[in-house]
Amino acid sequence: MKDRGLKKRQIGTVVSNRMDKTVVVSIERIVEHPVYKKYMRRRGKCVAHDAQNMCRIGDKVMIVETRPLSKTKRWRVREVLEKAL
C-alpha cells in the first residue's frame, strides 16, 4: 500500500460562522514583490468543515486539507489554537 503523503495545514482566523458546521477562515501570508522587493500581505479565504460548531468569529484555528465535502469545502478544522475575546 502506498503512502498518501502529508496533508497541507494552514493557520488562519475565522471570519464567518453563520453556516451550519461550516466556517470561513482567512489565511494571511507575506510575499515579496518581484520587482520592488517590498513585502506585502496577501489574504485568501478557505471554507472549512467544523463538525462540532465550536468556532467563533475571531478564533485562531488550524485547518487541514481533506477530500471534497461539498462544492467549496476542501478543508477541515483540526483544532482551535486561540479563542477570541
PDB file of N, CA and C in Angstrom:
ATOM      1  N   MET A   1       0.839  -1.185   0.000  1.00  0.00           N
ATOM      2  CA  MET A   1       0.000   0.000   0.000  1.00  0.00           C
ATOM      3  C   MET A   1       0.884   1.249   0.000  1.00  0.00           C
ATOM      4  N   LYS A   2       0.554   2.206  -0.853  1.00  0.00           N
ATOM      5  CA  LYS A   2       1.358   3.412  -0.941  1.00  0.00           C
ATOM      6  C   LYS A   2       0.959   4.416   0.138  1.00  0.00           C
ATOM      7  N   ASP A   3       1.947   5.224   0.555  1.00  0.00           N
ATOM      8  CA  ASP A   3       1.652   6.301   1.490  1.00  0.00           C
ATOM      9  C   ASP A   3       0.912   7.404   0.753  1.00  0.00           C
ATOM     10  N   ARG A   4      -0.012   8.018   1.439  1.00  0.00           N
ATOM     11  CA  ARG A   4      -0.778   9.103   0.828  1.00  0.00           C
ATOM     12  C   ARG A   4      -0.061  10.434   0.956  1.00  0.00           C
ATOM     13  N   GLY A   5       0.984  10.500   1.741  1.00  0.00           N
ATOM     14  CA  GLY A   5       1.717  11.749   1.914  1.00  0.00           C
ATOM     15  C   GLY A   5       1.098  12.602   3.009  1.00  0.00           C
ATOM     16  N   LEU A   6       1.733  13.714   3.273  1.00  0.00           N
ATOM     17  CA  LEU A   6       1.273  14.613   4.324  1.00  0.00           C
ATOM     18  C   LEU A   6       0.205  15.551   3.776  1.00  0.00           C
ATOM     19  N   LYS A   7      -0.777  15.842   4.630  1.00  0.00           N
ATOM     20  CA  LYS A   7      -1.828  16.784   4.238  1.00  0.00           C
ATOM     21  C   LYS A   7      -1.370  18.200   4.563  1.00  0.00           C
ATOM     22  N   LYS A   8      -1.792  19.140   3.727  1.00  0.00           N
ATOM     23  CA  LYS A   8      -1.429  20.537   3.956  1.00  0.00           C
ATOM     24  C   LYS A   8      -2.134  21.053   5.197  1.00  0.00           C
ATOM     25  N   ARG A   9      -1.456  21.942   5.902  1.00  0.00           N
ATOM     26  CA  ARG A   9      -2.036  22.584   7.088  1.00  0.00           C
ATOM     27  C   ARG A   9      -1.892  24.084   6.935  1.00  0.00           C
ATOM     28  N   GLN A  10      -2.882  24.813   7.400  1.00  0.00           N
ATOM     29  CA  GLN A  10      -2.849  26.275   7.365  1.00  0.00           C
ATOM     30  C   GLN A  10      -3.348  26.792   8.705  1.00  0.00           C
ATOM     31  N   ILE A  11      -2.865  27.957   9.095  1.00  0.00           N
ATOM     32  CA  ILE A  11      -3.346  28.615  10.312  1.00  0.00           C
ATOM     33  C   ILE A  11      -3.968  29.930   9.885  1.00  0.00           C
ATOM     34  N   GLY A  12      -5.182  30.180  10.371  1.00  0.00           N
ATOM     35  CA  GLY A  12      -5.882  31.396   9.984  1.00  0.00           C
ATOM     36  C   GLY A  12      -6.892  31.817  11.027  1.00  0.00           C
ATOM     37  N   THR A  13      -7.644  32.851  10.709  1.00  0.00           N
ATOM     38  CA  THR A  13      -8.635  33.436  11.607  1.00  0.00           C
ATOM     39  C   THR A  13     -10.030  33.230  11.039  1.00  0.00           C
ATOM     40  N   VAL A  14     -10.963  32.848  11.897  1.00  0.00           N
ATOM     41  CA  VAL A  14     -12.342  32.642  11.473  1.00  0.00           C
ATOM     42  C   VAL A  14     -12.987  34.002  11.222  1.00  0.00           C
ATOM     43  N   VAL A  15     -13.541  34.190  10.021  1.00  0.00           N
ATOM     44  CA  VAL A  15     -14.191  35.451   9.684  1.00  0.00           C
ATOM     45  C   VAL A  15     -15.704  35.307   9.556  1.00  0.00           C
ATOM     46  N   SER A  16     -16.214  34.069   9.452  1.00  0.00           N
ATOM     47  CA  SER A  16     -17.651  33.852   9.375  1.00  0.00           C
ATOM     48  C   SER A  16     -17.983  32.466   9.893  1.00  0.00           C
ATOM     49  N   ASN A  17     -19.078  32.395  10.688  1.00  0.00           N
ATOM     50  CA  ASN A  17     -19.545  31.088  11.173  1.00  0.00           C
ATOM     51  C   ASN A  17     -21.066  31.002  11.084  1.00  0.00           C
ATOM     52  N   ARG A  18     -21.652  31.659  10.105  1.00  0.00           N
ATOM     53  CA  ARG A  18     -23.113  31.728  10.007  1.00  0.00           C
ATOM     54  C   ARG A  18     -23.739  30.467   9.439  1.00  0.00           C
ATOM     55  N   MET A  19     -22.921  29.614   8.823  1.00  0.00           N
ATOM     56  CA  MET A  19     -23.450  28.380   8.249  1.00  0.00           C
ATOM     57  C   MET A  19     -23.398  27.257   9.284  1.00  0.00           C
ATOM     58  N   ASP A  20     -24.169  26.211   9.062  1.00  0.00           N
ATOM     59  CA  ASP A  20     -24.174  25.074   9.981  1.00  0.00           C
ATOM     60  C   ASP A  20     -22.987  24.170   9.672  1.00  0.00           C
ATOM     61  N   LYS A  21     -22.159  23.931  10.672  1.00  0.00           N
ATOM     62  CA  LYS A  21     -20.982  23.056  10.574  1.00  0.00           C
ATOM     63  C   LYS A  21     -19.972  23.526   9.529  1.00  0.00           C
ATOM     64  N   THR A  22     -19.944  24.822   9.268  1.00  0.00           N
ATOM     65  CA  THR A  22     -19.026  25.380   8.280  1.00  0.00           C
ATOM     66  C   THR A  22     -18.528  26.736   8.762  1.00  0.00           C
ATOM     67  N   VAL A  23     -17.231  26.994   8.570  1.00  0.00           N
ATOM     68  CA  VAL A  23     -16.654  28.295   8.879  1.00  0.00           C
ATOM     69  C   VAL A  23     -15.826  28.765   7.695  1.00  0.00           C
ATOM     70  N   VAL A  24     -15.668  30.082   7.594  1.00  0.00           N
ATOM     71  CA  VAL A  24     -14.798  30.665   6.590  1.00  0.00           C
ATOM     72  C   VAL A  24     -13.554  31.164   7.319  1.00  0.00           C
ATOM     73  N   VAL A  25     -12.386  30.722   6.873  1.00  0.00           N
ATOM     74  CA  VAL A  25     -11.123  31.042   7.526  1.00  0.00           C
ATOM     75  C   VAL A  25     -10.296  31.915   6.599  1.00  0.00           C
ATOM     76  N   SER A  26      -9.803  33.044   7.119  1.00  0.00           N
ATOM     77  CA  SER A  26      -8.946  33.943   6.361  1.00  0.00           C
ATOM     78  C   SER A  26      -7.492  33.604   6.687  1.00  0.00           C
ATOM     79  N   ILE A  27      -6.709  33.330   5.642  1.00  0.00           N
ATOM     80  CA  ILE A  27      -5.309  32.966   5.811  1.00  0.00           C
ATOM     81  C   ILE A  27      -4.457  34.092   5.250  1.00  0.00           C
ATOM     82  N   GLU A  28      -3.558  34.619   6.081  1.00  0.00           N
ATOM     83  CA  GLU A  28      -2.718  35.734   5.672  1.00  0.00           C
ATOM     84  C   GLU A  28      -1.289  35.249   5.473  1.00  0.00           C
ATOM     85  N   ARG A  29      -0.675  35.708   4.384  1.00  0.00           N
ATOM     86  CA  ARG A  29       0.714  35.352   4.131  1.00  0.00           C
ATOM     87  C   ARG A  29       1.460  36.599   3.690  1.00  0.00           C
ATOM     88  N   ILE A  30       2.768  36.583   3.824  1.00  0.00           N
ATOM     89  CA  ILE A  30       3.592  37.720   3.443  1.00  0.00           C
ATOM     90  C   ILE A  30       4.432  37.296   2.238  1.00  0.00           C
ATOM     91  N   VAL A  31       4.343  38.079   1.160  1.00  0.00           N
ATOM     92  CA  VAL A  31       5.090  37.777  -0.055  1.00  0.00           C
ATOM     93  C   VAL A  31       5.928  38.990  -0.449  1.00  0.00           C
ATOM     94  N   GLU A  32       7.028  38.721  -1.134  1.00  0.00           N
ATOM     95  CA  GLU A  32       7.893  39.783  -1.593  1.00  0.00           C
ATOM     96  C   GLU A  32       7.526  40.167  -3.027  1.00  0.00           C
ATOM     97  N   HIS A  33       7.436  41.460  -3.297  1.00  0.00           N
ATOM     98  CA  HIS A  33       7.153  41.930  -4.648  1.00  0.00           C
ATOM     99  C   HIS A  33       8.349  41.597  -5.534  1.00  0.00           C
ATOM    100  N   PRO A  34       8.096  41.015  -6.728  1.00  0.00           N
ATOM    101  CA  PRO A  34       9.223  40.555  -7.546  1.00  0.00           C
ATOM    102  C   PRO A  34      10.135  41.669  -8.061  1.00  0.00           C
ATOM    103  N   VAL A  35       9.601  42.865  -8.260  1.00  0.00           N
ATOM    104  CA  VAL A  35      10.406  43.957  -8.805  1.00  0.00           C
ATOM    105  C   VAL A  35      10.902  44.886  -7.703  1.00  0.00           C
ATOM    106  N   TYR A  36       9.982  45.327  -6.831  1.00  0.00           N
ATOM    107  CA  TYR A  36      10.313  46.356  -5.853  1.00  0.00           C
ATOM    108  C   TYR A  36      10.830  45.805  -4.525  1.00  0.00           C
ATOM    109  N   LYS A  37      10.784  44.495  -4.342  1.00  0.00           N
ATOM    110  CA  LYS A  37      11.322  43.821  -3.152  1.00  0.00           C
ATOM    111  C   LYS A  37      10.677  44.264  -1.852  1.00  0.00           C
ATOM    112  N   LYS A  38       9.494  44.840  -1.944  1.00  0.00           N
ATOM    113  CA  LYS A  38       8.759  45.226  -0.740  1.00  0.00           C
ATOM    114  C   LYS A  38       7.899  44.042  -0.314  1.00  0.00           C
ATOM    115  N   TYR A  39       7.768  43.835   0.984  1.00  0.00           N
ATOM    116  CA  TYR A  39       6.944  42.743   1.484  1.00  0.00           C
ATOM    117  C   TYR A  39       5.514  43.205   1.636  1.00  0.00           C
ATOM    118  N   MET A  40       4.591  42.389   1.127  1.00  0.00           N
ATOM    119  CA  MET A  40       3.169  42.741   1.146  1.00  0.00           C
ATOM    120  C   MET A  40       2.382  41.626   1.798  1.00  0.00           C
ATOM    121  N   ARG A  41       1.246  41.981   2.375  1.00  0.00           N
ATOM    122  CA  ARG A  41       0.354  40.980   2.953  1.00  0.00           C
ATOM    123  C   ARG A  41      -0.658  40.552   1.899  1.00  0.00           C
ATOM    124  N   ARG A  42      -0.842  39.263   1.785  1.00  0.00           N
ATOM    125  CA  ARG A  42      -1.842  38.717   0.881  1.00  0.00           C
ATOM    126  C   ARG A  42      -2.778  37.844   1.694  1.00  0.00           C
ATOM    127  N   ARG A  43      -4.067  37.933   1.384  1.00  0.00           N
ATOM    128  CA  ARG A  43      -5.074  37.200   2.142  1.00  0.00           C
ATOM    129  C   ARG A  43      -5.836  36.268   1.221  1.00  0.00           C
ATOM    130  N   GLY A  44      -6.164  35.088   1.734  1.00  0.00           N
ATOM    131  CA  GLY A  44      -7.003  34.158   0.998  1.00  0.00           C
ATOM    132  C   GLY A  44      -8.044  33.597   1.944  1.00  0.00           C
ATOM    133  N   LYS A  45      -9.153  33.139   1.407  1.00  0.00           N
ATOM    134  CA  LYS A  45     -10.216  32.574   2.238  1.00  0.00           C
ATOM    135  C   LYS A  45     -10.434  31.118   1.890  1.00  0.00           C
ATOM    136  N   CYS A  46     -10.642  30.308   2.925  1.00  0.00           N
ATOM    137  CA  CYS A  46     -10.951  28.891   2.745  1.00  0.00           C
ATOM    138  C   CYS A  46     -12.226  28.580   3.508  1.00  0.00           C
ATOM    139  N   VAL A  47     -13.041  27.708   2.937  1.00  0.00           N
ATOM    140  CA  VAL A  47     -14.247  27.241   3.620  1.00  0.00           C
ATOM    141  C   VAL A  47     -13.899  25.911   4.258  1.00  0.00           C
ATOM    142  N   ALA A  48     -14.143  25.788   5.575  1.00  0.00           N
ATOM    143  CA  ALA A  48     -13.708  24.597   6.314  1.00  0.00           C
ATOM    144  C   ALA A  48     -14.873  23.980   7.068  1.00  0.00           C
ATOM    145  N   HIS A  49     -14.798  22.668   7.248  1.00  0.00           N
ATOM    146  CA  HIS A  49     -15.820  21.905   7.972  1.00  0.00           C
ATOM    147  C   HIS A  49     -15.544  21.970   9.465  1.00  0.00           C
ATOM    148  N   ASP A  50     -16.543  22.364  10.238  1.00  0.00           N
ATOM    149  CA  ASP A  50     -16.454  22.468  11.697  1.00  0.00           C
ATOM    150  C   ASP A  50     -17.543  21.577  12.279  1.00  0.00           C
ATOM    151  N   ALA A  51     -17.227  20.318  12.535  1.00  0.00           N
ATOM    152  CA  ALA A  51     -18.240  19.315  12.887  1.00  0.00           C
ATOM    153  C   ALA A  51     -18.990  19.633  14.170  1.00  0.00           C
ATOM    154  N   GLN A  52     -18.314  20.202  15.175  1.00  0.00           N
ATOM    155  CA  GLN A  52     -18.975  20.470  16.460  1.00  0.00           C
ATOM    156  C   GLN A  52     -19.502  21.894  16.591  1.00  0.00           C
ATOM    157  N   ASN A  53     -19.413  22.700  15.564  1.00  0.00           N
ATOM    158  CA  ASN A  53     -19.821  24.112  15.626  1.00  0.00           C
ATOM    159  C   ASN A  53     -19.166  24.826  16.798  1.00  0.00           C
ATOM    160  N   MET A  54     -17.856  24.602  16.993  1.00  0.00           N
ATOM    161  CA  MET A  54     -17.174  25.164  18.162  1.00  0.00           C
ATOM    162  C   MET A  54     -16.461  26.472  17.855  1.00  0.00           C
ATOM    163  N   CYS A  55     -16.287  26.826  16.595  1.00  0.00           N
ATOM    164  CA  CYS A  55     -15.541  28.032  16.233  1.00  0.00           C
ATOM    165  C   CYS A  55     -16.416  29.272  16.284  1.00  0.00           C
ATOM    166  N   ARG A  56     -15.825  30.359  16.734  1.00  0.00           N
ATOM    167  CA  ARG A  56     -16.483  31.661  16.763  1.00  0.00           C
ATOM    168  C   ARG A  56     -15.659  32.640  15.931  1.00  0.00           C
ATOM    169  N   ILE A  57     -16.248  33.753  15.553  1.00  0.00           N
ATOM    170  CA  ILE A  57     -15.541  34.757  14.769  1.00  0.00           C
ATOM    171  C   ILE A  57     -14.372  35.302  15.588  1.00  0.00           C
ATOM    172  N   GLY A  58     -13.203  35.347  14.968  1.00  0.00           N
ATOM    173  CA  GLY A  58     -12.005  35.845  15.636  1.00  0.00           C
ATOM    174  C   GLY A  58     -11.112  34.755  16.195  1.00  0.00           C
ATOM    175  N   ASP A  59     -11.582  33.510  16.240  1.00  0.00           N
ATOM    176  CA  ASP A  59     -10.757  32.402  16.729  1.00  0.00           C
ATOM    177  C   ASP A  59      -9.609  32.142  15.753  1.00  0.00           C
ATOM    178  N   LYS A  60      -8.460  31.771  16.315  1.00  0.00           N
ATOM    179  CA  LYS A  60      -7.322  31.351  15.502  1.00  0.00           C
ATOM    180  C   LYS A  60      -7.365  29.834  15.425  1.00  0.00           C
ATOM    181  N   VAL A  61      -7.443  29.286  14.207  1.00  0.00           N
ATOM    182  CA  VAL A  61      -7.640  27.848  14.042  1.00  0.00           C
ATOM    183  C   VAL A  61      -6.595  27.258  13.094  1.00  0.00           C
ATOM    184  N   MET A  62      -6.370  25.952  13.241  1.00  0.00           N
ATOM    185  CA  MET A  62      -5.562  25.211  12.294  1.00  0.00           C
ATOM    186  C   MET A  62      -6.502  24.376  11.443  1.00  0.00           C
ATOM    187  N   ILE A  63      -6.358  24.485  10.115  1.00  0.00           N
ATOM    188  CA  ILE A  63      -7.183  23.684   9.220  1.00  0.00           C
ATOM    189  C   ILE A  63      -6.279  22.737   8.442  1.00  0.00           C
ATOM    190  N   VAL A  64      -6.820  21.600   8.059  1.00  0.00           N
ATOM    191  CA  VAL A  64      -6.070  20.588   7.332  1.00  0.00           C
ATOM    192  C   VAL A  64      -6.889  20.191   6.107  1.00  0.00           C
ATOM    193  N   GLU A  65      -6.195  19.921   5.000  1.00  0.00           N
ATOM    194  CA  GLU A  65      -6.926  19.584   3.782  1.00  0.00           C
ATOM    195  C   GLU A  65      -7.550  18.196   3.892  1.00  0.00           C
ATOM    196  N   THR A  66      -8.652  18.017   3.190  1.00  0.00           N
ATOM    197  CA  THR A  66      -9.387  16.763   3.231  1.00  0.00           C
ATOM    198  C   THR A  66     -10.037  16.527   1.866  1.00  0.00           C
ATOM    199  N   ARG A  67     -10.753  15.442   1.735  1.00  0.00           N
ATOM    200  CA  ARG A  67     -11.449  15.180   0.479  1.00  0.00           C
ATOM    201  C   ARG A  67     -12.555  16.229   0.296  1.00  0.00           C
ATOM    202  N   PRO A  68     -13.061  16.432  -0.912  1.00  0.00           N
ATOM    203  CA  PRO A  68     -14.143  17.398  -1.100  1.00  0.00           C
ATOM    204  C   PRO A  68     -15.394  16.995  -0.320  1.00  0.00           C
ATOM    205  N   LEU A  69     -15.865  17.906   0.540  1.00  0.00           N
ATOM    206  CA  LEU A  69     -17.050  17.650   1.357  1.00  0.00           C
ATOM    207  C   LEU A  69     -18.289  18.299   0.763  1.00  0.00           C
ATOM    208  N   SER A  70     -18.104  19.318  -0.046  1.00  0.00           N
ATOM    209  CA  SER A  70     -19.204  19.969  -0.753  1.00  0.00           C
ATOM    210  C   SER A  70     -18.601  20.703  -1.945  1.00  0.00           C
ATOM    211  N   LYS A  71     -19.378  21.583  -2.554  1.00  0.00           N
ATOM    212  CA  LYS A  71     -18.895  22.304  -3.732  1.00  0.00           C
ATOM    213  C   LYS A  71     -17.655  23.142  -3.410  1.00  0.00           C
ATOM    214  N   THR A  72     -17.609  23.767  -2.236  1.00  0.00           N
ATOM    215  CA  THR A  72     -16.494  24.650  -1.897  1.00  0.00           C
ATOM    216  C   THR A  72     -15.642  24.167  -0.723  1.00  0.00           C
ATOM    217  N   LYS A  73     -16.112  23.184   0.048  1.00  0.00           N
ATOM    218  CA  LYS A  73     -15.367  22.750   1.239  1.00  0.00           C
ATOM    219  C   LYS A  73     -14.336  21.688   0.905  1.00  0.00           C
ATOM    220  N   ARG A  74     -13.059  22.035   1.114  1.00  0.00           N
ATOM    221  CA  ARG A  74     -11.961  21.087   0.938  1.00  0.00           C
ATOM    222  C   ARG A  74     -11.048  21.066   2.153  1.00  0.00           C
ATOM    223  N   TRP A  75     -11.449  21.720   3.235  1.00  0.00           N
ATOM    224  CA  TRP A  75     -10.647  21.824   4.454  1.00  0.00           C
ATOM    225  C   TRP A  75     -11.490  21.422   5.654  1.00  0.00           C
ATOM    226  N   ARG A  76     -10.815  21.033   6.724  1.00  0.00           N
ATOM    227  CA  ARG A  76     -11.472  20.635   7.964  1.00  0.00           C
ATOM    228  C   ARG A  76     -10.752  21.326   9.113  1.00  0.00           C
ATOM    229  N   VAL A  77     -11.497  21.792  10.116  1.00  0.00           N
ATOM    230  CA  VAL A  77     -10.886  22.418  11.290  1.00  0.00           C
ATOM    231  C   VAL A  77     -10.259  21.316  12.133  1.00  0.00           C
ATOM    232  N   ARG A  78      -8.960  21.426  12.355  1.00  0.00           N
ATOM    233  CA  ARG A  78      -8.273  20.415  13.164  1.00  0.00           C
ATOM    234  C   ARG A  78      -8.319  20.769  14.635  1.00  0.00           C
ATOM    235  N   GLU A  79      -7.989  22.043  14.958  1.00  0.00           N
ATOM    236  CA  GLU A  79      -8.041  22.460  16.354  1.00  0.00           C
ATOM    237  C   GLU A  79      -8.163  23.977  16.429  1.00  0.00           C
ATOM    238  N   VAL A  80      -8.675  24.438  17.561  1.00  0.00           N
ATOM    239  CA  VAL A  80      -8.754  25.867  17.832  1.00  0.00           C
ATOM    240  C   VAL A  80      -7.509  26.219  18.644  1.00  0.00           C
ATOM    241  N   LEU A  81      -6.672  27.102  18.105  1.00  0.00           N
ATOM    242  CA  LEU A  81      -5.426  27.463  18.770  1.00  0.00           C
ATOM    243  C   LEU A  81      -5.627  28.557  19.806  1.00  0.00           C
ATOM    244  N   GLU A  82      -6.451  29.552  19.483  1.00  0.00           N
ATOM    245  CA  GLU A  82      -6.752  30.656  20.398  1.00  0.00           C
ATOM    246  C   GLU A  82      -8.231  30.999  20.274  1.00  0.00           C
ATOM    247  N   LYS A  83      -8.872  31.194  21.407  1.00  0.00           N
ATOM    248  CA  LYS A  83     -10.265  31.633  21.405  1.00  0.00           C
ATOM    249  C   LYS A  83     -10.308  33.155  21.334  1.00  0.00           C
ATOM    250  N   ALA A  84     -11.311  33.685  20.665  1.00  0.00           N
ATOM    251  CA  ALA A  84     -11.499  35.135  20.576  1.00  0.00           C
ATOM    252  C   ALA A  84     -12.043  35.649  21.906  1.00  0.00           C
ATOM    253  N   LEU A  85     -11.757  36.910  22.176  1.00  0.00           N
ATOM    254  CA  LEU A  85     -12.246  37.516  23.422  1.00  0.00           C
ATOM    255  C   LEU A  85     -13.710  37.852  23.349  1.00  0.00           C
TER     256      LEU A  85
END
